[in-house]
Amino acid sequence: MLSLIKLYDRLGIIQMLKKNKKIKINGYELDKEQVKAVTSKRKNILILAGAGSGKSLTIVGRVKYLIYEKKVNPKNILCISFTNDAVDNLKNDLNEEEVDVMTFHKLALKVIGRKKEILTEDMLTDVIISSFSNDTLFGLYGISKKDMYGLVKTFIKLFKSNNYTFDMFYKFISKANNKDKILLKEIMKCYICYESYLKKENLLDFNDMINEGIKSLDYSFVRYKHIIIDEYQDTSVTKFNFIKKLIKLSNASFFAVGDDFQSIYRFTGANLKIINNFKIYFPFGKVFKLKNTYRSPDELIKISGKFIMKNKVQIKKKLCSTNKLINSVEIVYYDDLNKKIREVVEKDKIDNLFILSRNNKDLDKLDKLKIKHRKLTIHKSKGLQSDYIFIIGLNNNKNGFPNRIKDHEILKYVNNYKEYFPYEEERRLLYVALTRCKKKVYLFASIDNESIFIKELKRYKKVCVRKEER
């Protein structure tokens, strides 16, 4: 027997298809752009969904449209998201629909038919430490043992996230200068030891899951006729190849939802070109842009949009909001950060707050507040929201915001994406932080050491500067 909510959604989908009717999903009405996207007959679709524009609602709308209007068997629909939390949220939103919802890695394990036997980060570190033997490299590159081991770990992860074969090491070495040749040979040795350990212990790492999934995909998975991906901007080359093969095998329709403005996981192999070049990879595909956002004030949306689109590689979008709160972005200078935070909280009567930072170190220095608040890195805040947002660490130093620590030169061999604009991923990271806000965002900067982002933003007409210090 159908639940009342499920029955209501079914009736809503059927009714909305009659002229001049609206679609309601889980009690929310889809806007014009969402309706167009949800009901599109195109086989390959990309939804560019800005922060707070209702991407989850659009995905749920698409699933329910396929089931109730197009009469698709729910078992023929596959929804993919990137984290277990995101999968759980989507399952909850789908509300009893019997569709498969899983992460890429769970899908890959399903394809290769293995239970969870996954290598941990500590195991990887242990293998690298035990196999690394050229101590002269620490002095040659002027970095500590800890940083060197971290660099080797990052190199191996990116190497595998690109699904490179072992022969690529020889290609890298043949092109490298004498200094890099030494390090590349050491990384190659560590890689061999690492792969031997995985095989001996019958373990998989996260990259193995995807790479083996690509090899193992066959026609036994052709039951998926409609494939939907959330957070498409976070897709790596191997994940893209995995899903592309599945689409080809099953001749499935493809419905991707993402936001190039919020691509902040390059260090895990995410490649911006995959979302930006959608029409190259899917020549007859259709791109829809969701224009309305339902979280942040319109003023903030305009400011953050202008900031992110300074980089011409980002896809142009005109976002708007019915939330008309003014003075929604304010720069706050300080001599003593903890003292200034308490002053702002008390004076502005703030009671619900996220404090966001580029790194954990800045958060660790903060005092506790007597109000409801959470301290998070910006990466961990993605997908969350709060009435008020404090962004700290916007100072002009190596570990400030933007962070000025460059990728080590050796990573150029495995980095598939080259930056086209200064600090472009740092810019996207600040965009993510700004758009967590429902009412007002405060940007905290040292009074005598402000970052280049603060210098830029304070030139914008609608950005306020707290007068006590200036």
Protein backbone atom coordinates (compact mmCIF):
# COMPACT_ATOMS: atom_id res chain seq x y z
CA MET A 1 0.00 0.00 0.00
CA LEU A 2 1.33 3.43 -0.99
CA SER A 3 2.23 5.89 1.76
CA LEU A 4 0.36 9.21 1.69
CA ILE A 5 3.52 11.12 0.69
CA LYS A 6 4.32 8.69 -2.12
CA LEU A 7 0.73 8.81 -3.35
CA TYR A 8 0.75 12.62 -3.18
CA ASP A 9 3.95 12.76 -5.24
CA ARG A 10 2.52 10.37 -7.84
CA LEU A 11 -0.64 12.42 -8.20
CA GLY A 12 1.42 15.62 -8.27
CA ILE A 13 3.61 14.36 -11.13
CA ILE A 14 0.60 13.26 -13.16
CA GLN A 15 -1.30 16.48 -12.55
CA MET A 16 1.60 18.77 -13.35
CA LEU A 17 1.94 17.33 -16.83
CA LYS A 18 -1.38 18.89 -17.73
CA LYS A 19 -1.00 22.45 -19.01
CA ASN A 20 -0.28 25.19 -16.49
CA LYS A 21 0.11 22.78 -13.60
CA LYS A 22 3.01 22.85 -11.13
CA ILE A 23 5.15 19.98 -9.85
CA LYS A 24 5.29 19.40 -6.11
CA ILE A 25 7.88 17.05 -4.64
CA ASN A 26 7.95 16.25 -0.91
CA GLY A 27 5.81 19.31 -0.33
CA TYR A 28 8.04 21.71 -2.33
CA GLU A 29 7.09 23.24 -5.65
CA LEU A 30 9.64 22.98 -8.46
CA ASP A 31 10.45 26.23 -10.25
CA LYS A 32 10.33 26.73 -14.01
CA GLU A 33 13.96 25.72 -14.69
CA GLN A 34 13.68 22.66 -12.45
CA VAL A 35 10.52 21.53 -14.27
CA LYS A 36 12.22 21.88 -17.66
CA ALA A 37 15.17 19.83 -16.47
CA VAL A 38 13.09 17.15 -14.74
CA THR A 39 10.81 16.59 -17.76
CA SER A 40 13.43 16.90 -20.52
CA LYS A 41 13.41 14.17 -23.17
CA ARG A 42 17.13 14.58 -23.94
CA LYS A 43 19.18 11.45 -23.37
CA ASN A 44 22.16 13.23 -21.78
CA ILE A 45 21.49 16.14 -19.43
CA LEU A 46 23.67 18.33 -17.21
CA ILE A 47 22.04 20.47 -14.54
CA LEU A 48 24.23 23.35 -13.41
CA ALA A 49 22.88 23.90 -9.91
CA GLY A 50 24.23 26.86 -7.97
CA ALA A 51 24.57 26.80 -4.19
CA GLY A 52 21.15 26.44 -2.55
CA SER A 53 19.31 26.04 -5.87
CA GLY A 54 17.54 22.80 -4.94
CA LYS A 55 19.69 20.20 -6.68
CA SER A 56 18.50 17.37 -4.43
CA LEU A 57 14.89 18.33 -5.11
CA THR A 58 15.62 18.28 -8.85
CA ILE A 59 17.16 14.80 -8.62
CA VAL A 60 14.17 13.49 -6.65
CA GLY A 61 11.84 15.16 -9.16
CA ARG A 62 13.63 13.43 -12.04
CA VAL A 63 13.37 10.03 -10.36
CA LYS A 64 9.68 10.43 -9.60
CA TYR A 65 8.99 11.74 -13.12
CA LEU A 66 10.66 8.67 -14.62
CA ILE A 67 8.73 6.29 -12.35
CA TYR A 68 5.26 7.85 -12.38
CA GLU A 69 5.05 9.48 -15.79
CA LYS A 70 7.47 7.46 -17.95
CA LYS A 71 6.56 4.20 -16.16
CA VAL A 72 10.20 3.24 -15.60
CA ASN A 73 10.83 0.32 -13.27
CA PRO A 74 12.60 1.77 -10.19
CA LYS A 75 15.13 -1.08 -10.39
CA ASN A 76 16.29 0.31 -13.74
CA ILE A 77 17.36 3.62 -12.12
CA LEU A 78 20.78 4.15 -10.55
CA CYS A 79 21.64 7.23 -8.45
CA ILE A 80 25.27 7.91 -7.55
CA SER A 81 26.69 10.37 -5.06
CA PHE A 82 30.18 10.81 -3.63
CA THR A 83 29.86 10.22 0.12
CA ASN A 84 27.91 7.88 2.37
CA ASP A 85 26.23 10.87 4.04
CA ALA A 86 25.09 12.24 0.68
CA VAL A 87 23.75 8.81 -0.28
CA ASP A 88 21.80 8.55 3.00
CA ASN A 89 20.32 12.03 2.48
CA LEU A 90 19.28 11.19 -1.07
CA LYS A 91 17.68 7.91 0.04
CA ASN A 92 15.74 9.84 2.66
CA ASP A 93 14.60 12.42 0.09
CA LEU A 94 13.56 9.71 -2.36
CA ASN A 95 11.26 8.41 0.34
CA GLU A 96 10.54 4.72 -0.25
CA GLU A 97 11.34 4.67 -3.98
CA GLU A 98 13.04 1.35 -4.73
CA VAL A 99 15.94 2.72 -6.75
CA ASP A 100 19.61 1.87 -6.22
CA VAL A 101 21.41 4.75 -4.50
CA MET A 102 25.13 4.30 -3.81
CA THR A 103 28.59 5.78 -3.94
CA PHE A 104 30.95 5.14 -6.84
CA HIS A 105 32.99 2.85 -4.63
CA LYS A 106 30.01 0.77 -3.53
CA LEU A 107 28.97 0.40 -7.17
CA ALA A 108 32.50 -0.67 -8.08
CA LEU A 109 32.56 -3.29 -5.30
CA LYS A 110 29.22 -4.56 -6.57
CA VAL A 111 30.64 -4.84 -10.09
CA ILE A 112 33.80 -6.69 -9.08
CA GLY A 113 31.95 -8.86 -6.59
CA ARG A 114 34.13 -8.24 -3.54
CA LYS A 115 33.30 -7.53 0.07
CA LYS A 116 34.83 -4.53 1.84
CA GLU A 117 38.53 -5.28 2.20
CA ILE A 118 39.88 -1.77 1.98
CA LEU A 119 43.36 -0.45 2.64
CA THR A 120 43.49 2.27 5.29
CA GLU A 121 45.50 5.49 5.11
CA ASP A 122 47.75 4.25 7.91
CA MET A 123 48.60 1.10 5.97
CA LEU A 124 49.57 3.14 2.92
CA THR A 125 51.78 5.40 5.04
CA ASP A 126 53.44 2.38 6.69
CA VAL A 127 54.26 0.81 3.31
CA ILE A 128 55.79 4.04 2.00
CA ILE A 129 57.89 4.60 5.15
CA SER A 130 59.20 1.02 5.11
CA SER A 131 60.07 1.07 1.39
CA PHE A 132 61.51 4.60 1.09
CA SER A 133 65.32 4.37 1.39
CA ASN A 134 66.97 7.32 -0.39
CA ASP A 135 67.56 9.72 2.50
CA THR A 136 69.50 12.16 0.30
CA LEU A 137 66.17 13.26 -1.21
CA PHE A 138 65.17 15.11 1.96
CA GLY A 139 68.09 17.49 1.58
CA LEU A 140 67.91 17.57 -2.22
CA TYR A 141 64.33 18.88 -2.10
CA GLY A 142 64.65 20.66 1.23
CA ILE A 143 61.65 19.01 2.89
CA SER A 144 61.13 16.94 6.04
CA LYS A 145 60.67 13.17 6.12
CA LYS A 146 57.00 13.61 7.02
CA ASP A 147 56.38 15.94 4.07
CA MET A 148 58.32 13.68 1.70
CA TYR A 149 56.27 10.63 2.72
CA GLY A 150 53.09 12.67 2.27
CA LEU A 151 54.27 13.77 -1.17
CA VAL A 152 54.95 10.17 -2.25
CA LYS A 153 51.51 9.14 -0.96
CA THR A 154 49.83 11.95 -2.91
CA PHE A 155 51.76 11.08 -6.07
CA ILE A 156 50.74 7.41 -5.89
CA LYS A 157 47.09 8.28 -5.26
CA LEU A 158 46.97 10.68 -8.22
CA PHE A 159 48.86 8.18 -10.40
CA LYS A 160 46.19 5.58 -9.69
CA SER A 161 43.28 8.04 -9.89
CA ASN A 162 44.32 8.63 -13.51
CA ASN A 163 44.41 4.85 -14.08
CA TYR A 164 48.00 5.06 -15.34
CA THR A 165 49.81 1.83 -16.15
CA PHE A 166 53.23 1.10 -14.68
CA ASP A 167 54.90 2.05 -17.99
CA MET A 168 54.02 5.69 -17.30
CA PHE A 169 56.84 5.81 -14.74
CA TYR A 170 59.36 5.21 -17.51
CA LYS A 171 57.77 7.97 -19.60
CA PHE A 172 57.92 10.38 -16.67
CA ILE A 173 61.57 9.49 -15.95
CA SER A 174 62.58 9.91 -19.60
CA LYS A 175 61.24 13.50 -19.60
CA ALA A 176 62.45 14.50 -16.12
CA ASN A 177 65.48 16.54 -15.12
CA ASN A 178 68.25 14.78 -13.18
CA LYS A 179 66.87 15.81 -9.80
CA ASP A 180 63.33 14.63 -10.55
CA LYS A 181 64.61 11.37 -12.03
CA ILE A 182 66.00 10.39 -8.62
CA LEU A 183 62.70 11.10 -6.84
CA LEU A 184 60.58 9.45 -9.55
CA LYS A 185 62.67 6.28 -9.32
CA GLU A 186 62.18 6.26 -5.53
CA ILE A 187 58.42 6.76 -5.93
CA MET A 188 58.36 3.95 -8.51
CA LYS A 189 60.04 1.63 -6.00
CA CYS A 190 57.53 2.60 -3.31
CA TYR A 191 54.71 2.01 -5.78
CA ILE A 192 55.98 -1.50 -6.56
CA CYS A 193 56.17 -2.33 -2.84
CA TYR A 194 52.71 -0.86 -2.31
CA GLU A 195 51.13 -2.87 -5.12
CA SER A 196 52.86 -6.05 -3.89
CA TYR A 197 51.49 -5.46 -0.39
CA LEU A 198 47.95 -4.99 -1.73
CA LYS A 199 48.17 -8.22 -3.71
CA LYS A 200 49.70 -10.22 -0.86
CA GLU A 201 47.11 -9.07 1.69
CA ASN A 202 44.20 -9.28 -0.78
CA LEU A 203 43.36 -5.59 -0.23
CA LEU A 204 41.93 -2.86 -2.40
CA ASP A 205 42.43 0.87 -2.13
CA PHE A 206 39.77 3.33 -3.29
CA ASN A 207 41.40 3.82 -6.68
CA ASP A 208 41.66 0.07 -7.22
CA MET A 209 37.92 -0.25 -6.71
CA ILE A 210 37.19 2.14 -9.58
CA ASN A 211 39.94 0.83 -11.86
CA GLU A 212 38.94 -2.82 -11.35
CA GLY A 213 35.31 -1.81 -11.71
CA ILE A 214 36.05 -0.43 -15.19
CA LYS A 215 37.75 -3.69 -16.20
CA SER A 216 34.98 -5.89 -14.74
CA LEU A 217 31.94 -4.03 -16.12
CA ASP A 218 30.01 -6.26 -18.51
CA TYR A 219 26.50 -6.73 -19.85
CA SER A 220 25.25 -8.12 -16.53
CA PHE A 221 24.79 -4.47 -15.46
CA VAL A 222 22.69 -3.38 -18.44
CA ARG A 223 19.56 -3.26 -16.28
CA TYR A 224 20.38 0.35 -15.39
CA LYS A 225 18.60 2.36 -18.08
CA HIS A 226 18.71 5.73 -16.29
CA ILE A 227 21.87 6.89 -14.51
CA ILE A 228 21.82 9.96 -12.26
CA ILE A 229 24.93 11.50 -10.69
CA ASP A 230 25.03 14.09 -7.92
CA GLU A 231 28.03 16.42 -7.29
CA TYR A 232 29.24 15.87 -10.85
CA GLN A 233 31.93 18.55 -10.47
CA ASP A 234 33.84 16.20 -8.15
CA THR A 235 34.29 13.51 -10.82
CA SER A 236 37.79 12.20 -11.49
CA VAL A 237 39.02 10.84 -14.83
CA THR A 238 38.66 7.22 -13.69
CA LYS A 239 35.17 7.73 -12.27
CA PHE A 240 34.14 9.40 -15.51
CA ASN A 241 35.53 6.47 -17.54
CA PHE A 242 33.69 4.07 -15.22
CA ILE A 243 30.32 5.74 -15.67
CA LYS A 244 30.87 6.32 -19.41
CA LYS A 245 31.44 2.59 -19.92
CA LEU A 246 28.30 1.76 -17.92
CA ILE A 247 26.26 4.22 -20.02
CA LYS A 248 27.60 2.68 -23.23
CA LEU A 249 26.97 -0.91 -22.16
CA SER A 250 23.40 -0.27 -21.03
CA ASN A 251 22.55 2.49 -23.55
CA ALA A 252 21.31 4.43 -20.54
CA SER A 253 20.15 8.01 -20.25
CA PHE A 254 22.44 10.23 -18.19
CA PHE A 255 21.34 12.98 -15.79
CA ALA A 256 24.20 14.79 -14.05
CA VAL A 257 23.82 17.52 -11.42
CA GLY A 258 26.70 19.70 -10.27
CA ASP A 259 28.23 23.16 -9.99
CA ASP A 260 31.60 24.08 -11.47
CA PHE A 261 31.73 26.97 -8.97
CA GLN A 262 32.00 24.38 -6.15
CA SER A 263 34.74 22.17 -7.57
CA ILE A 264 37.15 22.00 -4.60
CA TYR A 265 38.58 18.46 -4.65
CA ARG A 266 41.39 18.61 -7.17
CA PHE A 267 43.69 16.98 -4.61
CA THR A 268 41.59 13.79 -4.86
CA GLY A 269 41.73 13.76 -8.67
CA ALA A 270 38.56 15.76 -9.43
CA ASN A 271 38.91 17.34 -12.87
CA LEU A 272 37.00 20.54 -13.71
CA LYS A 273 37.14 19.75 -17.44
CA ILE A 274 34.72 16.88 -16.98
CA ILE A 275 31.85 19.19 -16.05
CA ASN A 276 32.96 22.17 -18.15
CA ASN A 277 33.33 20.09 -21.33
CA PHE A 278 30.06 18.20 -20.95
CA LYS A 279 28.96 18.93 -24.52
CA ILE A 280 32.28 17.69 -25.90
CA TYR A 281 31.90 14.35 -24.11
CA PHE A 282 28.14 14.22 -24.85
CA PRO A 283 27.75 16.09 -28.19
CA PHE A 284 23.94 15.97 -28.26
CA GLY A 285 23.53 16.64 -24.58
CA LYS A 286 21.54 19.49 -23.05
CA VAL A 287 22.72 21.84 -20.28
CA PHE A 288 20.15 23.41 -17.95
CA LYS A 289 21.04 26.19 -15.51
CA LEU A 290 19.03 26.52 -12.32
CA LYS A 291 18.72 30.29 -11.81
CA ASN A 292 16.97 30.54 -8.46
CA THR A 293 18.71 29.97 -5.15
CA TYR A 294 16.76 29.42 -1.95
CA ARG A 295 19.41 29.83 0.74
CA SER A 296 21.47 33.02 0.57
CA PRO A 297 20.41 36.67 0.21
CA ASP A 298 20.32 37.97 -3.37
CA GLU A 299 22.96 40.55 -2.52
CA LEU A 300 25.35 37.85 -1.33
CA ILE A 301 24.63 35.73 -4.41
CA LYS A 302 25.54 38.65 -6.68
CA ILE A 303 28.76 39.38 -4.75
CA SER A 304 29.90 35.75 -4.67
CA GLY A 305 28.95 35.31 -8.34
CA LYS A 306 31.02 38.32 -9.40
CA PHE A 307 33.93 37.02 -7.31
CA ILE A 308 33.92 33.49 -8.76
CA MET A 309 33.39 34.57 -12.37
CA LYS A 310 36.57 36.65 -12.35
CA ASN A 311 37.94 33.35 -13.58
CA LYS A 312 36.75 33.08 -17.19
CA VAL A 313 37.08 29.29 -17.13
CA GLN A 314 34.04 29.12 -14.83
CA ILE A 315 30.70 28.77 -16.64
CA LYS A 316 28.75 32.03 -16.64
CA LYS A 317 25.58 31.88 -14.56
CA LYS A 318 23.10 34.54 -13.47
CA LEU A 319 21.74 33.44 -10.12
CA CYS A 320 19.10 35.25 -8.10
CA SER A 321 17.27 34.88 -4.80
CA THR A 322 13.98 36.13 -3.36
CA ASN A 323 15.82 36.67 -0.07
CA LYS A 324 16.35 40.46 -0.11
CA LEU A 325 18.33 40.93 3.11
CA ILE A 326 20.88 43.73 2.73
CA ASN A 327 24.37 44.23 4.19
CA SER A 328 24.81 40.47 3.93
CA VAL A 329 28.61 40.51 3.46
CA GLU A 330 30.80 42.34 5.98
CA ILE A 331 34.57 42.53 6.40
CA VAL A 332 35.74 42.64 10.02
CA TYR A 333 39.33 43.64 10.85
CA TYR A 334 40.89 42.55 14.12
CA ASP A 335 43.95 42.76 16.35
CA ASP A 336 42.72 39.93 18.59
CA LEU A 337 40.56 37.41 16.71
CA ASN A 338 38.88 35.76 19.70
CA LYS A 339 38.03 39.11 21.22
CA LYS A 340 36.64 40.42 17.92
CA ILE A 341 34.50 37.30 17.37
CA ARG A 342 32.92 37.71 20.83
CA GLU A 343 32.27 41.41 20.14
CA VAL A 344 30.50 40.70 16.84
CA VAL A 345 28.42 37.87 18.36
CA GLU A 346 27.26 40.09 21.23
CA LYS A 347 26.70 43.29 19.26
CA ASP A 348 24.86 41.66 16.34
CA LYS A 349 22.94 39.25 18.61
CA ILE A 350 24.05 36.16 16.69
CA ASP A 351 22.70 32.85 18.01
CA ASN A 352 23.28 30.31 15.20
CA LEU A 353 26.71 30.21 13.63
CA PHE A 354 29.26 28.31 11.57
CA ILE A 355 32.91 29.36 11.93
CA LEU A 356 34.73 28.28 8.77
CA SER A 357 38.43 28.17 8.02
CA ARG A 358 40.77 27.11 5.24
CA ASN A 359 42.59 24.83 7.68
CA ASN A 360 42.20 23.18 11.06
CA LYS A 361 45.05 25.08 12.72
CA ASP A 362 43.12 28.37 12.73
CA LEU A 363 40.07 26.65 14.22
CA ASP A 364 42.15 25.10 17.01
CA LYS A 365 43.15 28.59 18.21
CA LEU A 366 39.57 29.73 18.81
CA ASP A 367 37.95 30.06 22.22
CA LYS A 368 34.59 28.43 22.93
CA LEU A 369 31.51 30.60 22.51
CA LYS A 370 28.37 30.64 24.68
CA ILE A 371 26.07 30.25 21.68
CA LYS A 372 25.11 27.47 19.29
CA HIS A 373 27.98 27.19 16.83
CA ARG A 374 30.08 24.75 14.83
CA LYS A 375 33.72 25.05 13.79
CA LEU A 376 34.48 23.47 10.43
CA THR A 377 36.98 23.53 7.63
CA ILE A 378 35.38 24.83 4.44
CA HIS A 379 35.76 21.43 2.77
CA LYS A 380 33.70 19.83 5.56
CA SER A 381 31.04 22.54 5.37
CA LYS A 382 30.08 21.75 1.78
CA GLY A 383 26.39 20.89 1.56
CA LEU A 384 25.65 22.48 4.96
CA GLN A 385 24.13 25.84 5.85
CA SER A 386 23.68 28.21 8.78
CA ASP A 387 22.06 31.58 9.43
CA TYR A 388 25.40 33.26 10.03
CA ILE A 389 28.85 32.41 8.73
CA PHE A 390 32.19 33.63 10.13
CA ILE A 391 35.12 33.00 7.76
CA ILE A 392 38.50 33.29 9.45
CA GLY A 393 42.12 33.06 8.30
CA LEU A 394 41.78 35.61 5.48
CA ASN A 395 45.34 36.80 5.94
CA ASN A 396 48.27 37.33 3.62
CA ASN A 397 50.68 34.55 4.49
CA LYS A 398 51.71 31.14 3.23
CA ASN A 399 48.99 29.28 5.14
CA GLY A 400 46.43 32.06 4.81
CA PHE A 401 43.46 32.31 2.50
CA PRO A 402 44.19 32.01 -0.35
CA ASN A 403 46.68 29.38 0.67
CA ARG A 404 49.94 30.15 -1.12
CA ILE A 405 51.55 26.73 -0.75
CA LYS A 406 52.04 25.50 -4.30
CA ASP A 407 51.80 21.88 -5.36
CA HIS A 408 55.22 20.26 -5.28
CA GLU A 409 56.89 20.29 -8.69
CA ILE A 410 56.96 16.48 -8.88
CA LEU A 411 53.13 16.37 -8.91
CA LYS A 412 53.07 18.00 -12.36
CA TYR A 413 53.52 14.51 -13.81
CA VAL A 414 50.23 13.26 -12.35
CA ASN A 415 48.14 16.44 -12.20
CA ASN A 416 45.74 16.29 -15.12
CA TYR A 417 44.39 19.79 -14.59
CA LYS A 418 46.40 22.99 -14.92
CA GLU A 419 45.17 26.18 -13.27
CA TYR A 420 44.17 28.86 -15.76
CA PHE A 421 43.65 31.63 -13.21
CA PRO A 422 45.63 32.54 -10.07
CA TYR A 423 44.38 30.68 -6.99
CA GLU A 424 41.35 29.43 -8.91
CA GLU A 425 40.58 26.52 -6.58
CA GLU A 426 41.10 28.77 -3.54
CA ARG A 427 38.61 31.17 -5.14
CA ARG A 428 36.08 28.36 -5.50
CA LEU A 429 36.71 27.40 -1.89
CA LEU A 430 35.83 30.91 -0.69
CA TYR A 431 32.72 30.80 -2.89
CA VAL A 432 31.63 27.62 -1.10
CA ALA A 433 32.20 29.28 2.28
CA LEU A 434 30.25 32.42 1.33
CA THR A 435 27.26 30.47 0.06
CA ARG A 436 26.73 28.42 3.25
CA CYS A 437 25.00 31.54 4.57
CA LYS A 438 21.25 32.16 4.98
CA LYS A 439 21.45 35.66 6.49
CA LYS A 440 24.89 37.20 6.76
CA VAL A 441 28.57 36.31 6.31
CA TYR A 442 31.45 37.96 8.18
CA LEU A 443 34.97 37.90 6.73
CA PHE A 444 37.64 38.22 9.45
CA ALA A 445 41.05 39.60 8.46
CA SER A 446 44.07 40.80 10.40
CA ILE A 447 44.09 44.60 10.55
CA ASP A 448 47.63 44.84 9.16
CA ASN A 449 47.86 41.67 7.06
CA GLU A 450 44.71 41.26 4.94
CA SER A 451 44.63 38.70 2.12
CA ILE A 452 44.34 39.53 -1.57
CA PHE A 453 40.77 38.19 -1.46
CA ILE A 454 39.84 40.79 1.16
CA LYS A 455 41.51 43.53 -0.87
CA GLU A 456 39.42 42.51 -3.86
CA LEU A 457 36.11 42.10 -2.05
CA LYS A 458 36.24 45.39 -0.20
CA ARG A 459 36.21 47.15 -3.59
CA TYR A 460 32.75 45.69 -4.33
CA LYS A 461 29.94 48.22 -3.79
CA LYS A 462 27.70 46.09 -1.59
CA VAL A 463 30.43 44.70 0.68
CA CYS A 464 30.45 46.42 4.07
CA VAL A 465 33.51 47.14 6.20
CA ARG A 466 32.99 47.28 9.97
CA LYS A 467 33.74 50.85 10.98
CA GLU A 468 35.26 50.31 14.41
CA GLU A 469 38.66 49.48 12.95
CA ARG A 470 38.76 51.51 9.76
